[in-house]
Amino acid sequence: MFIDQILFKKHLEKGEEVLYAVHKHWYVLMKPVLEISFFGFVLPWSLYAIGLRTPLFLGIAVIWSLIAYLRFLYLLLDWYSDAWLITNMSVITVQWNGFFNNSSARISFEDVEGAAYEIKGIVGTLYRFGNITMRLASGSNFILKNAAKPKEAELALARFQDIYMKKRSFQDSKGLKTLLSDLVSHHVRGAR
């Protein structure tokens, strides 16, 4: 959660904190990471080890591996930054499409009608990932594909929504009592 507070700080309001974050599952990264590992590290350094030990090839291998490492960091940041943030005030959906292209949407707990999840296939069942859908009162849906632990995320959303709604109801009833007592006292003072 500490990383979530730092990374998503720009999406939070004052006094708002991330209670639960739903991220994509790490399995989504396996194919690109294996490709980067093979073409960015194994292949150039294997060629260097089997006989291409020239200073020119060494420079090319170092630069190639550095570019592969930067690509890996970019993929890691992209993977981690696509998330739903369940906060003490609302749900924030964050979509990261690059360093200069990201978007977020704030969804009030009052607008959330519920959530559902779907786990498909053997791999999804074994690794516990699937798609989670948040249904809104407006009829639209927000979907996070390949979410880690979608059942746990659905339960967390329902739990924090319930906590928020109870707190909000208590605040509203307290405000209503104050308003009514002020009206009654004003009426009694006016009748004298």
C-alpha atoms as a PDB file:
ATOM      1  CA  MET A   1       0.000   0.000   0.000  1.00  0.00           C
ATOM      2  CA  PHE A   2       2.955   2.332   0.594  1.00  0.00           C
ATOM      3  CA  ILE A   3       3.881   2.164  -3.101  1.00  0.00           C
ATOM      4  CA  ASP A   4       0.255   2.837  -4.044  1.00  0.00           C
ATOM      5  CA  GLN A   5       0.173   5.951  -1.856  1.00  0.00           C
ATOM      6  CA  ILE A   6       3.313   7.315  -3.567  1.00  0.00           C
ATOM      7  CA  LEU A   7       2.602   6.267  -7.156  1.00  0.00           C
ATOM      8  CA  PHE A   8      -1.054   7.335  -7.179  1.00  0.00           C
ATOM      9  CA  LYS A   9      -0.698  10.433  -4.989  1.00  0.00           C
ATOM     10  CA  LYS A  10      -1.599  12.769  -7.853  1.00  0.00           C
ATOM     11  CA  HIS A  11      -5.016  11.087  -8.173  1.00  0.00           C
ATOM     12  CA  LEU A  12      -5.939  11.483  -4.487  1.00  0.00           C
ATOM     13  CA  GLU A  13      -7.691  14.370  -2.777  1.00  0.00           C
ATOM     14  CA  LYS A  14      -6.521  15.873   0.491  1.00  0.00           C
ATOM     15  CA  GLY A  15      -7.274  13.437   3.320  1.00  0.00           C
ATOM     16  CA  GLU A  16      -7.960  10.590   0.922  1.00  0.00           C
ATOM     17  CA  GLU A  17      -6.098   7.326   1.316  1.00  0.00           C
ATOM     18  CA  VAL A  18      -5.938   4.113  -0.670  1.00  0.00           C
ATOM     19  CA  LEU A  19      -7.613   1.303   1.279  1.00  0.00           C
ATOM     20  CA  TYR A  20      -7.356  -1.375  -1.404  1.00  0.00           C
ATOM     21  CA  ALA A  21      -5.809  -1.448  -4.869  1.00  0.00           C
ATOM     22  CA  VAL A  22      -6.805  -3.823  -7.648  1.00  0.00           C
ATOM     23  CA  HIS A  23      -4.005  -4.423 -10.150  1.00  0.00           C
ATOM     24  CA  LYS A  24      -3.581  -6.619 -13.166  1.00  0.00           C
ATOM     25  CA  HIS A  25      -2.114 -10.047 -12.433  1.00  0.00           C
ATOM     26  CA  TRP A  26       1.629 -10.571 -12.913  1.00  0.00           C
ATOM     27  CA  TYR A  27       0.886 -13.393 -15.370  1.00  0.00           C
ATOM     28  CA  VAL A  28       0.100 -10.732 -17.989  1.00  0.00           C
ATOM     29  CA  LEU A  29       3.786  -9.745 -17.910  1.00  0.00           C
ATOM     30  CA  MET A  30       5.210 -13.222 -18.499  1.00  0.00           C
ATOM     31  CA  LYS A  31       5.284 -13.230 -22.309  1.00  0.00           C
ATOM     32  CA  PRO A  32       6.786  -9.739 -22.790  1.00  0.00           C
ATOM     33  CA  VAL A  33       9.317 -10.290 -19.987  1.00  0.00           C
ATOM     34  CA  LEU A  34      10.444 -13.579 -21.519  1.00  0.00           C
ATOM     35  CA  GLU A  35      10.808 -11.895 -24.914  1.00  0.00           C
ATOM     36  CA  ILE A  36      12.806  -9.027 -23.446  1.00  0.00           C
ATOM     37  CA  SER A  37      14.975 -11.441 -21.469  1.00  0.00           C
ATOM     38  CA  PHE A  38      15.777 -13.571 -24.494  1.00  0.00           C
ATOM     39  CA  PHE A  39      16.299 -10.878 -27.128  1.00  0.00           C
ATOM     40  CA  GLY A  40      17.691  -8.227 -24.794  1.00  0.00           C
ATOM     41  CA  PHE A  41      20.015 -10.236 -22.567  1.00  0.00           C
ATOM     42  CA  VAL A  42      20.424 -13.930 -23.445  1.00  0.00           C
ATOM     43  CA  LEU A  43      20.929 -13.547 -27.205  1.00  0.00           C
ATOM     44  CA  PRO A  44      23.472 -10.690 -27.287  1.00  0.00           C
ATOM     45  CA  TRP A  45      25.510 -12.020 -24.371  1.00  0.00           C
ATOM     46  CA  SER A  46      25.452 -15.566 -25.750  1.00  0.00           C
ATOM     47  CA  LEU A  47      26.811 -14.263 -29.057  1.00  0.00           C
ATOM     48  CA  TYR A  48      29.471 -12.362 -27.138  1.00  0.00           C
ATOM     49  CA  ALA A  49      30.371 -15.487 -25.126  1.00  0.00           C
ATOM     50  CA  ILE A  50      30.673 -17.800 -28.162  1.00  0.00           C
ATOM     51  CA  GLY A  51      33.155 -15.670 -30.020  1.00  0.00           C
ATOM     52  CA  LEU A  52      32.025 -12.195 -30.970  1.00  0.00           C
ATOM     53  CA  ARG A  53      34.404 -10.619 -28.465  1.00  0.00           C
ATOM     54  CA  THR A  54      35.188  -7.457 -30.301  1.00  0.00           C
ATOM     55  CA  PRO A  55      35.037  -4.068 -28.616  1.00  0.00           C
ATOM     56  CA  LEU A  56      32.394  -2.979 -31.147  1.00  0.00           C
ATOM     57  CA  PHE A  57      30.112  -5.932 -30.355  1.00  0.00           C
ATOM     58  CA  LEU A  58      30.649  -5.424 -26.618  1.00  0.00           C
ATOM     59  CA  GLY A  59      29.419  -1.818 -26.972  1.00  0.00           C
ATOM     60  CA  ILE A  60      26.446  -2.955 -29.045  1.00  0.00           C
ATOM     61  CA  ALA A  61      25.567  -5.673 -26.478  1.00  0.00           C
ATOM     62  CA  VAL A  62      25.765  -3.206 -23.581  1.00  0.00           C
ATOM     63  CA  ILE A  63      23.582  -0.622 -25.343  1.00  0.00           C
ATOM     64  CA  TRP A  64      21.141  -3.318 -26.503  1.00  0.00           C
ATOM     65  CA  SER A  65      20.824  -4.701 -22.957  1.00  0.00           C
ATOM     66  CA  LEU A  66      20.360  -1.203 -21.537  1.00  0.00           C
ATOM     67  CA  ILE A  67      17.520  -0.548 -23.988  1.00  0.00           C
ATOM     68  CA  ALA A  68      15.974  -3.917 -23.042  1.00  0.00           C
ATOM     69  CA  TYR A  69      16.240  -3.018 -19.355  1.00  0.00           C
ATOM     70  CA  LEU A  70      14.518   0.331 -19.952  1.00  0.00           C
ATOM     71  CA  ARG A  71      11.780  -1.457 -21.918  1.00  0.00           C
ATOM     72  CA  PHE A  72      11.332  -3.847 -18.999  1.00  0.00           C
ATOM     73  CA  LEU A  73      10.963  -0.933 -16.553  1.00  0.00           C
ATOM     74  CA  TYR A  74       8.411   0.697 -18.869  1.00  0.00           C
ATOM     75  CA  LEU A  75       6.358  -2.536 -19.031  1.00  0.00           C
ATOM     76  CA  LEU A  76       6.535  -2.915 -15.256  1.00  0.00           C
ATOM     77  CA  LEU A  77       5.323   0.648 -14.689  1.00  0.00           C
ATOM     78  CA  ASP A  78       2.551   0.228 -17.268  1.00  0.00           C
ATOM     79  CA  TRP A  79       1.423  -3.028 -15.660  1.00  0.00           C
ATOM     80  CA  TYR A  80       1.369  -1.658 -12.121  1.00  0.00           C
ATOM     81  CA  SER A  81      -0.245   1.661 -13.014  1.00  0.00           C
ATOM     82  CA  ASP A  82      -3.404   0.188 -14.542  1.00  0.00           C
ATOM     83  CA  ALA A  83      -5.444  -0.138 -11.383  1.00  0.00           C
ATOM     84  CA  TRP A  84      -8.612   0.518  -9.452  1.00  0.00           C
ATOM     85  CA  LEU A  85      -8.011   2.394  -6.224  1.00  0.00           C
ATOM     86  CA  ILE A  86     -10.621   1.898  -3.551  1.00  0.00           C
ATOM     87  CA  THR A  87     -10.231   4.835  -1.210  1.00  0.00           C
ATOM     88  CA  ASN A  88     -12.032   6.095   1.859  1.00  0.00           C
ATOM     89  CA  MET A  89     -13.995   8.504  -0.413  1.00  0.00           C
ATOM     90  CA  SER A  90     -14.565   6.804  -3.769  1.00  0.00           C
ATOM     91  CA  VAL A  91     -13.222   4.417  -6.381  1.00  0.00           C
ATOM     92  CA  ILE A  92     -10.605   5.757  -8.795  1.00  0.00           C
ATOM     93  CA  THR A  93      -9.880   3.924 -12.029  1.00  0.00           C
ATOM     94  CA  VAL A  94      -6.411   4.670 -13.391  1.00  0.00           C
ATOM     95  CA  GLN A  95      -5.300   3.838 -16.932  1.00  0.00           C
ATOM     96  CA  TRP A  96      -1.658   4.454 -17.843  1.00  0.00           C
ATOM     97  CA  ASN A  97      -0.826   4.502 -21.555  1.00  0.00           C
ATOM     98  CA  GLY A  98       2.615   6.084 -21.410  1.00  0.00           C
ATOM     99  CA  PHE A  99       4.576   8.761 -19.626  1.00  0.00           C
ATOM    100  CA  PHE A 100       2.496  11.563 -21.102  1.00  0.00           C
ATOM    101  CA  ASN A 101      -0.799   9.761 -21.604  1.00  0.00           C
ATOM    102  CA  ASN A 102      -2.731   8.620 -18.550  1.00  0.00           C
ATOM    103  CA  SER A 103      -6.300   8.977 -17.448  1.00  0.00           C
ATOM    104  CA  SER A 104      -8.359   8.445 -14.344  1.00  0.00           C
ATOM    105  CA  ALA A 105     -12.027   8.479 -13.413  1.00  0.00           C
ATOM    106  CA  ARG A 106     -13.434   9.054  -9.957  1.00  0.00           C
ATOM    107  CA  ILE A 107     -16.564   7.060  -9.178  1.00  0.00           C
ATOM    108  CA  SER A 108     -18.589   7.914  -6.101  1.00  0.00           C
ATOM    109  CA  PHE A 109     -19.632   5.007  -3.889  1.00  0.00           C
ATOM    110  CA  GLU A 110     -23.227   6.188  -4.298  1.00  0.00           C
ATOM    111  CA  ASP A 111     -22.980   5.511  -8.053  1.00  0.00           C
ATOM    112  CA  VAL A 112     -21.643   1.954  -7.693  1.00  0.00           C
ATOM    113  CA  GLU A 113     -24.401  -0.644  -7.953  1.00  0.00           C
ATOM    114  CA  GLY A 114     -22.115  -3.613  -7.552  1.00  0.00           C
ATOM    115  CA  ALA A 115     -19.301  -5.640  -9.011  1.00  0.00           C
ATOM    116  CA  ALA A 116     -18.967  -8.987 -10.700  1.00  0.00           C
ATOM    117  CA  TYR A 117     -16.006 -11.071 -11.700  1.00  0.00           C
ATOM    118  CA  GLU A 118     -15.288 -13.738 -14.271  1.00  0.00           C
ATOM    119  CA  ILE A 119     -12.439 -16.245 -14.242  1.00  0.00           C
ATOM    120  CA  LYS A 120     -11.868 -18.112 -17.492  1.00  0.00           C
ATOM    121  CA  GLY A 121      -9.786 -21.156 -18.199  1.00  0.00           C
ATOM    122  CA  ILE A 122      -7.370 -23.361 -16.317  1.00  0.00           C
ATOM    123  CA  VAL A 123      -4.602 -20.749 -16.155  1.00  0.00           C
ATOM    124  CA  GLY A 124      -6.955 -18.117 -14.731  1.00  0.00           C
ATOM    125  CA  THR A 125      -8.263 -20.586 -12.157  1.00  0.00           C
ATOM    126  CA  LEU A 126      -4.800 -21.769 -11.109  1.00  0.00           C
ATOM    127  CA  TYR A 127      -3.269 -18.306 -10.868  1.00  0.00           C
ATOM    128  CA  ARG A 128      -6.475 -16.632  -9.592  1.00  0.00           C
ATOM    129  CA  PHE A 129      -6.964 -13.874 -12.129  1.00  0.00           C
ATOM    130  CA  GLY A 130      -9.841 -12.765 -14.292  1.00  0.00           C
ATOM    131  CA  ASN A 131     -11.946  -9.820 -15.389  1.00  0.00           C
ATOM    132  CA  ILE A 132     -13.778  -7.702 -12.854  1.00  0.00           C
ATOM    133  CA  THR A 133     -16.673  -5.444 -13.791  1.00  0.00           C
ATOM    134  CA  MET A 134     -17.997  -2.535 -11.738  1.00  0.00           C
ATOM    135  CA  ARG A 135     -21.631  -1.737 -12.545  1.00  0.00           C
ATOM    136  CA  LEU A 136     -22.754   1.870 -12.156  1.00  0.00           C
ATOM    137  CA  ALA A 137     -26.211   3.335 -11.567  1.00  0.00           C
ATOM    138  CA  SER A 138     -25.942   5.133 -14.912  1.00  0.00           C
ATOM    139  CA  GLY A 139     -25.887   1.767 -16.679  1.00  0.00           C
ATOM    140  CA  SER A 140     -22.252   1.959 -17.730  1.00  0.00           C
ATOM    141  CA  ASN A 141     -19.573  -0.474 -16.638  1.00  0.00           C
ATOM    142  CA  PHE A 142     -15.878  -0.270 -15.818  1.00  0.00           C
ATOM    143  CA  ILE A 143     -13.890  -3.401 -16.609  1.00  0.00           C
ATOM    144  CA  LEU A 144     -10.405  -4.306 -15.427  1.00  0.00           C
ATOM    145  CA  LYS A 145      -9.152  -7.219 -17.489  1.00  0.00           C
ATOM    146  CA  ASN A 146      -6.807  -9.828 -16.006  1.00  0.00           C
ATOM    147  CA  ALA A 147      -7.224  -8.493 -12.465  1.00  0.00           C
ATOM    148  CA  ALA A 148      -5.401 -10.267  -9.666  1.00  0.00           C
ATOM    149  CA  LYS A 149      -7.691 -11.979  -7.145  1.00  0.00           C
ATOM    150  CA  PRO A 150     -10.977 -10.703  -8.618  1.00  0.00           C
ATOM    151  CA  LYS A 151     -13.155 -12.346  -5.962  1.00  0.00           C
ATOM    152  CA  GLU A 152     -11.175 -10.659  -3.184  1.00  0.00           C
ATOM    153  CA  ALA A 153     -11.390  -7.344  -5.065  1.00  0.00           C
ATOM    154  CA  GLU A 154     -15.163  -7.653  -5.443  1.00  0.00           C
ATOM    155  CA  LEU A 155     -15.565  -8.343  -1.723  1.00  0.00           C
ATOM    156  CA  ALA A 156     -13.250  -5.446  -0.815  1.00  0.00           C
ATOM    157  CA  LEU A 157     -15.248  -3.066  -2.996  1.00  0.00           C
ATOM    158  CA  ALA A 158     -18.510  -4.154  -1.357  1.00  0.00           C
ATOM    159  CA  ARG A 159     -17.018  -3.940   2.151  1.00  0.00           C
ATOM    160  CA  PHE A 160     -15.549  -0.444   1.746  1.00  0.00           C
ATOM    161  CA  GLN A 161     -18.669   0.797  -0.030  1.00  0.00           C
ATOM    162  CA  ASP A 162     -20.772  -0.434   2.915  1.00  0.00           C
ATOM    163  CA  ILE A 163     -18.463   1.263   5.433  1.00  0.00           C
ATOM    164  CA  TYR A 164     -18.624   4.514   3.478  1.00  0.00           C
ATOM    165  CA  MET A 165     -22.412   4.409   3.121  1.00  0.00           C
ATOM    166  CA  LYS A 166     -22.933   3.761   6.857  1.00  0.00           C
ATOM    167  CA  LYS A 167     -20.589   6.625   7.736  1.00  0.00           C
ATOM    168  CA  ARG A 168     -22.355   8.902   5.260  1.00  0.00           C
ATOM    169  CA  SER A 169     -25.786   7.919   6.601  1.00  0.00           C
ATOM    170  CA  PHE A 170     -24.652   8.667  10.159  1.00  0.00           C
ATOM    171  CA  GLN A 171     -23.307  12.084   9.107  1.00  0.00           C
ATOM    172  CA  ASP A 172     -26.533  12.875   7.224  1.00  0.00           C
ATOM    173  CA  SER A 173     -28.736  11.914  10.181  1.00  0.00           C
ATOM    174  CA  LYS A 174     -26.548  13.937  12.545  1.00  0.00           C
ATOM    175  CA  GLY A 175     -26.824  16.958  10.240  1.00  0.00           C
ATOM    176  CA  LEU A 176     -30.585  16.519   9.982  1.00  0.00           C
ATOM    177  CA  LYS A 177     -30.924  16.376  13.782  1.00  0.00           C
ATOM    178  CA  THR A 178     -28.900  19.577  14.107  1.00  0.00           C
ATOM    179  CA  LEU A 179     -31.020  21.297  11.475  1.00  0.00           C
ATOM    180  CA  LEU A 180     -34.284  20.223  13.134  1.00  0.00           C
ATOM    181  CA  SER A 181     -33.127  21.305  16.594  1.00  0.00           C
ATOM    182  CA  ASP A 182     -32.096  24.703  15.184  1.00  0.00           C
ATOM    183  CA  LEU A 183     -35.497  25.094  13.522  1.00  0.00           C
ATOM    184  CA  VAL A 184     -37.350  24.168  16.702  1.00  0.00           C
ATOM    185  CA  SER A 185     -35.255  26.502  18.872  1.00  0.00           C
ATOM    186  CA  HIS A 186     -35.698  29.325  16.343  1.00  0.00           C
ATOM    187  CA  HIS A 187     -39.464  28.703  16.298  1.00  0.00           C
ATOM    188  CA  VAL A 188     -39.670  28.657  20.109  1.00  0.00           C
ATOM    189  CA  ARG A 189     -37.674  31.916  20.360  1.00  0.00           C
ATOM    190  CA  GLY A 190     -39.904  33.500  17.709  1.00  0.00           C
ATOM    191  CA  ALA A 191     -43.107  32.476  19.576  1.00  0.00           C
ATOM    192  CA  ARG A 192     -42.114  34.382  22.733  1.00  0.00           C
END
